[in-house]
Each structure stands twice: as structure tokens, then as C-alpha cells.
Amino acid sequence: MTIAREHTFTADMRIAGINPYVDVPPHVVKALGSGSKVPVLVKVSAASAGKRKSADAQAKRRLRQDATRLKMIGRLAPGGWFRSTVLILHSSAPRLYLDSWMRETAGVAVGDRVRVSLRLDCGSRELPMPAALREALDGNEQAHAAWERLTPSRRREILTYLHFLKTPTAIERNVQKQSLFWSPGTGTMTNW
């Protein structure tokens, strides 16, 4: 397996609405490739070692607890790289949004100058389907057809939600609860 070349830059973390981001320099975007959404692996750190804020104990504990689930949903890649996407916007510079896990791991906040390392992510981003959902869909032809009609981002959102549940019992309970909303007359998933 070939490891993609690493591209590093520094930028000020800004916020758009409620979403923290950094502008990605044009030379980095060009090196990563084309498209309106470029899948990347990301590492973030404070640009100045002296200014790095240490994540509090609760944040560190949350990251440790979430690491397994983050790996399961494909957000955390081997080597501590986060999976994300550079968005190529027509109205502004290309952006990389920094979620709470990235910011807490780096101990950075909006307004900080950060060092960002990016690699092109050539790996699959497809999430595994929990057995309870697979069984429910396999046992209901209309529900299966409705699942297939969902957009890929909506299916990913549902799978991510199910993977963040802590126990198999919780997954089964949620799938069962949602199956009540699979409309037999229309074959649509009315609540998902």
C-alpha cells in the first residue's frame, strides 16, 4: 500500500456559523487533486508548541472512549489521522472543517494558529452495516428498497448513529423502533 504524500501548512482557525475551519492554501489543494470534495487524512496541532492548550481530563477521557467508535465509523484512521474532506468552494477559499475531536486532540480553539498536515485519503469510506439493521432490511423488501433510495450521505448518517450506540441491545432497540416507521403502503422510511 502506497502512503500518500503529506502536505503541511499553518493557518488561523476561523468559524463560519457554528463550524470551525481553516482555509486550505491553493498549492495544497492542487497537490491533493481535483473535485469539489477531496477526501483527506488530517492531523492538527498548535502552530506554536508554547501555545498548545492541554485538553482537560474530561476531554481526554471522552477521546479515549470514542476512539473505538471513531475507528468503527471510519473517522479515525491508523496512526492517529482523522478522516475528513476538503471542500472546494466557489465563493471562498477551499475549507477544511475541524470537528471537536480534532480540536480537542490538538488542544486548539477558534482564533488559534494551527499546523495542519493533510494526505489524500485513498481508502474506502464505506461503513459496515450493523447485523440488526441488515436482518431488518433483509426481512422486509419494501424497507430494503426504501433504504436503497436514501442518499449515500443519509445512509452514512444512520449508520454512524447506530455505530455510536454503546451496546448491541441499544442498536437492536433503535432498529426495531425505527422499523415501526417503515411505511408498508409507500415503501418509504418516514422517520429516517
Protein backbone atom coordinates (compact mmCIF):
# COMPACT_ATOMS: atom_id res chain seq x y z
CA MET A 1 0.00 0.00 0.00
CA THR A 2 1.38 3.39 -1.02
CA ILE A 3 1.27 6.16 1.56
CA ALA A 4 0.14 9.45 0.07
CA ARG A 5 2.48 12.42 0.28
CA GLU A 6 1.99 14.65 3.30
CA HIS A 7 1.23 18.36 2.83
CA THR A 8 1.68 20.66 5.83
CA PHE A 9 0.66 24.29 6.27
CA THR A 10 -0.25 26.73 9.03
CA ALA A 11 -3.47 28.71 9.19
CA ASP A 12 -5.69 30.61 11.57
CA MET A 13 -8.72 28.64 12.73
CA ARG A 14 -11.88 30.59 11.95
CA ILE A 15 -15.57 29.92 12.35
CA ALA A 16 -18.45 30.01 9.84
CA GLY A 17 -21.73 29.92 11.73
CA ILE A 18 -21.01 27.21 14.29
CA ASN A 19 -18.38 25.38 12.22
CA PRO A 20 -14.66 25.89 12.92
CA TYR A 21 -12.46 25.63 9.82
CA VAL A 22 -9.15 26.52 8.21
CA ASP A 23 -8.60 27.78 4.68
CA VAL A 24 -6.50 25.33 2.68
CA PRO A 25 -3.82 27.02 0.54
CA PRO A 26 -4.26 26.68 -3.26
CA HIS A 27 -0.91 24.88 -3.71
CA VAL A 28 -2.02 22.17 -1.24
CA VAL A 29 -5.39 21.75 -2.96
CA LYS A 30 -3.66 21.47 -6.34
CA ALA A 31 -1.30 18.81 -4.99
CA LEU A 32 -4.19 16.81 -3.49
CA GLY A 33 -6.17 16.64 -6.73
CA SER A 34 -9.37 17.91 -8.24
CA GLY A 35 -13.04 17.72 -7.41
CA SER A 36 -15.42 19.68 -5.23
CA LYS A 37 -14.80 17.36 -2.28
CA VAL A 38 -11.33 15.97 -1.69
CA PRO A 39 -11.10 13.09 0.85
CA VAL A 40 -8.16 13.63 3.19
CA LEU A 41 -6.43 12.33 6.29
CA VAL A 42 -5.80 15.12 8.79
CA LYS A 43 -3.57 15.85 11.78
CA VAL A 44 -3.88 19.16 13.60
CA SER A 45 -1.61 20.71 16.21
CA ALA A 46 -0.94 24.15 17.65
CA ALA A 47 1.41 26.11 15.40
CA SER A 48 3.49 27.14 18.40
CA ALA A 49 4.37 24.46 20.95
CA GLY A 50 4.35 27.07 23.71
CA LYS A 51 0.74 28.00 23.00
CA ARG A 52 -0.68 24.47 22.96
CA LYS A 53 -3.53 24.17 25.41
CA SER A 54 -3.79 20.86 27.16
CA ALA A 55 -7.10 19.12 26.73
CA ASP A 56 -8.84 18.80 30.07
CA ALA A 57 -9.20 15.39 31.73
CA GLN A 58 -12.84 15.03 30.67
CA ALA A 59 -12.00 15.71 27.00
CA LYS A 60 -9.12 13.21 27.10
CA ARG A 61 -11.39 10.58 28.65
CA ARG A 62 -14.05 11.23 26.00
CA LEU A 63 -11.49 10.85 23.21
CA ARG A 64 -10.26 7.54 24.66
CA GLN A 65 -13.84 6.27 24.97
CA ASP A 66 -14.76 7.42 21.47
CA ALA A 67 -11.60 6.13 19.75
CA THR A 68 -13.02 2.66 19.11
CA ARG A 69 -16.26 4.02 17.74
CA LEU A 70 -14.43 6.67 15.70
CA LYS A 71 -12.40 3.88 14.10
CA MET A 72 -15.56 1.84 13.51
CA ILE A 73 -17.30 4.68 11.67
CA GLY A 74 -14.16 5.43 9.68
CA ARG A 75 -13.40 8.84 11.24
CA LEU A 76 -10.12 7.76 12.83
CA ALA A 77 -7.53 6.15 10.58
CA PRO A 78 -4.39 4.28 11.67
CA GLY A 79 -1.62 6.47 13.05
CA GLY A 80 -4.00 8.93 14.70
CA TRP A 81 -5.08 10.54 11.40
CA PHE A 82 -8.66 11.83 11.20
CA ARG A 83 -10.67 11.30 8.04
CA SER A 84 -12.21 14.46 6.66
CA THR A 85 -12.92 16.30 3.41
CA VAL A 86 -11.54 19.48 1.90
CA LEU A 87 -14.44 21.38 0.35
CA ILE A 88 -13.70 23.38 -2.76
CA LEU A 89 -16.00 26.41 -2.55
CA HIS A 90 -16.64 28.83 -5.40
CA SER A 91 -17.38 31.74 -3.09
CA SER A 92 -14.30 31.47 -0.86
CA ALA A 93 -11.02 29.62 -0.34
CA PRO A 94 -11.10 25.82 -0.04
CA ARG A 95 -12.02 24.83 3.51
CA LEU A 96 -11.25 22.06 5.92
CA TYR A 97 -13.74 21.92 8.78
CA LEU A 98 -12.24 20.87 12.13
CA ASP A 99 -14.59 18.84 14.31
CA SER A 100 -14.50 18.70 18.09
CA TRP A 101 -12.38 15.53 18.19
CA MET A 102 -9.66 17.12 16.04
CA ARG A 103 -9.67 20.34 18.06
CA GLU A 104 -9.69 18.59 21.45
CA THR A 105 -6.90 16.21 20.42
CA ALA A 106 -4.77 19.19 19.38
CA GLY A 107 -5.82 21.38 22.30
CA VAL A 108 -6.73 24.25 19.95
CA ALA A 109 -9.70 26.58 19.60
CA VAL A 110 -11.13 29.11 17.16
CA GLY A 111 -8.70 32.01 16.76
CA ASP A 112 -5.59 29.86 17.28
CA ARG A 113 -2.91 29.48 14.65
CA VAL A 114 -2.73 25.78 13.80
CA ARG A 115 -0.43 23.47 11.92
CA VAL A 116 -2.35 21.13 9.60
CA SER A 117 -0.97 18.04 7.90
CA LEU A 118 -3.01 16.52 5.07
CA ARG A 119 -2.71 13.37 2.99
CA LEU A 120 -5.01 12.30 0.21
CA ASP A 121 -7.30 9.57 1.59
CA CYS A 122 -7.46 6.78 -0.95
CA GLY A 123 -9.13 4.32 1.44
CA SER A 124 -12.74 3.22 1.42
CA ARG A 125 -15.17 5.30 3.45
CA GLU A 126 -17.97 2.77 3.37
CA LEU A 127 -19.33 1.89 6.81
CA PRO A 128 -20.26 -1.65 7.83
CA MET A 129 -23.95 -2.25 8.40
CA PRO A 130 -24.84 -3.50 11.89
CA ALA A 131 -26.26 -7.03 11.86
CA ALA A 132 -29.57 -5.90 13.40
CA LEU A 133 -30.19 -3.43 10.57
CA ARG A 134 -29.11 -5.92 7.91
CA GLU A 135 -31.54 -8.52 9.30
CA ALA A 136 -34.39 -5.99 9.49
CA LEU A 137 -33.84 -4.88 5.89
CA ASP A 138 -33.37 -8.42 4.56
CA GLY A 139 -36.67 -9.42 6.16
CA ASN A 140 -38.64 -6.54 4.63
CA GLU A 141 -38.47 -6.00 0.88
CA GLN A 142 -40.12 -2.56 0.98
CA ALA A 143 -37.85 -1.35 3.76
CA HIS A 144 -34.81 -2.59 1.81
CA ALA A 145 -35.99 -0.70 -1.28
CA ALA A 146 -36.56 2.43 0.84
CA TRP A 147 -33.03 2.10 2.30
CA GLU A 148 -31.58 1.92 -1.19
CA ARG A 149 -33.44 5.11 -2.18
CA LEU A 150 -31.85 7.09 0.66
CA THR A 151 -28.96 9.29 -0.40
CA PRO A 152 -25.50 7.94 0.46
CA SER A 153 -24.98 10.75 3.00
CA ARG A 154 -28.28 9.90 4.73
CA ARG A 155 -27.39 6.19 4.91
CA ARG A 156 -23.98 7.14 6.33
CA GLU A 157 -25.65 9.38 8.93
CA ILE A 158 -27.89 6.50 10.06
CA LEU A 159 -25.01 4.01 10.16
CA THR A 160 -22.87 6.49 12.11
CA TYR A 161 -25.67 6.96 14.63
CA LEU A 162 -26.08 3.20 15.07
CA HIS A 163 -22.32 2.67 15.48
CA PHE A 164 -22.19 5.30 18.24
CA LEU A 165 -24.71 3.38 20.34
CA LYS A 166 -22.87 1.63 23.14
CA THR A 167 -24.42 -1.85 23.17
CA PRO A 168 -25.82 -4.36 20.68
CA THR A 169 -29.08 -4.20 22.65
CA ALA A 170 -29.31 -0.45 22.04
CA ILE A 171 -28.70 -0.98 18.32
CA GLU A 172 -31.41 -3.65 18.14
CA ARG A 173 -33.84 -1.47 20.11
CA ASN A 174 -33.27 1.51 17.80
CA VAL A 175 -33.59 -0.56 14.63
CA GLN A 176 -36.78 -2.13 15.97
CA LYS A 177 -38.18 1.29 16.95
CA GLN A 178 -37.39 2.72 13.51
CA SER A 179 -38.91 -0.28 11.74
CA LEU A 180 -42.29 0.91 13.01
CA PHE A 181 -41.89 3.91 10.69
CA TRP A 182 -41.18 1.87 7.55
CA SER A 183 -44.38 2.56 5.72
CA PRO A 184 -45.68 -0.65 4.10
CA GLY A 185 -48.00 1.24 1.75
CA THR A 186 -45.38 3.58 0.30
CA GLY A 187 -42.17 1.70 0.95
CA THR A 188 -40.57 4.78 2.48
CA MET A 189 -38.66 5.29 5.69
CA THR A 190 -40.70 8.08 7.19
CA ASN A 191 -38.63 8.74 10.31
CA TRP A 192 -35.16 8.06 8.95
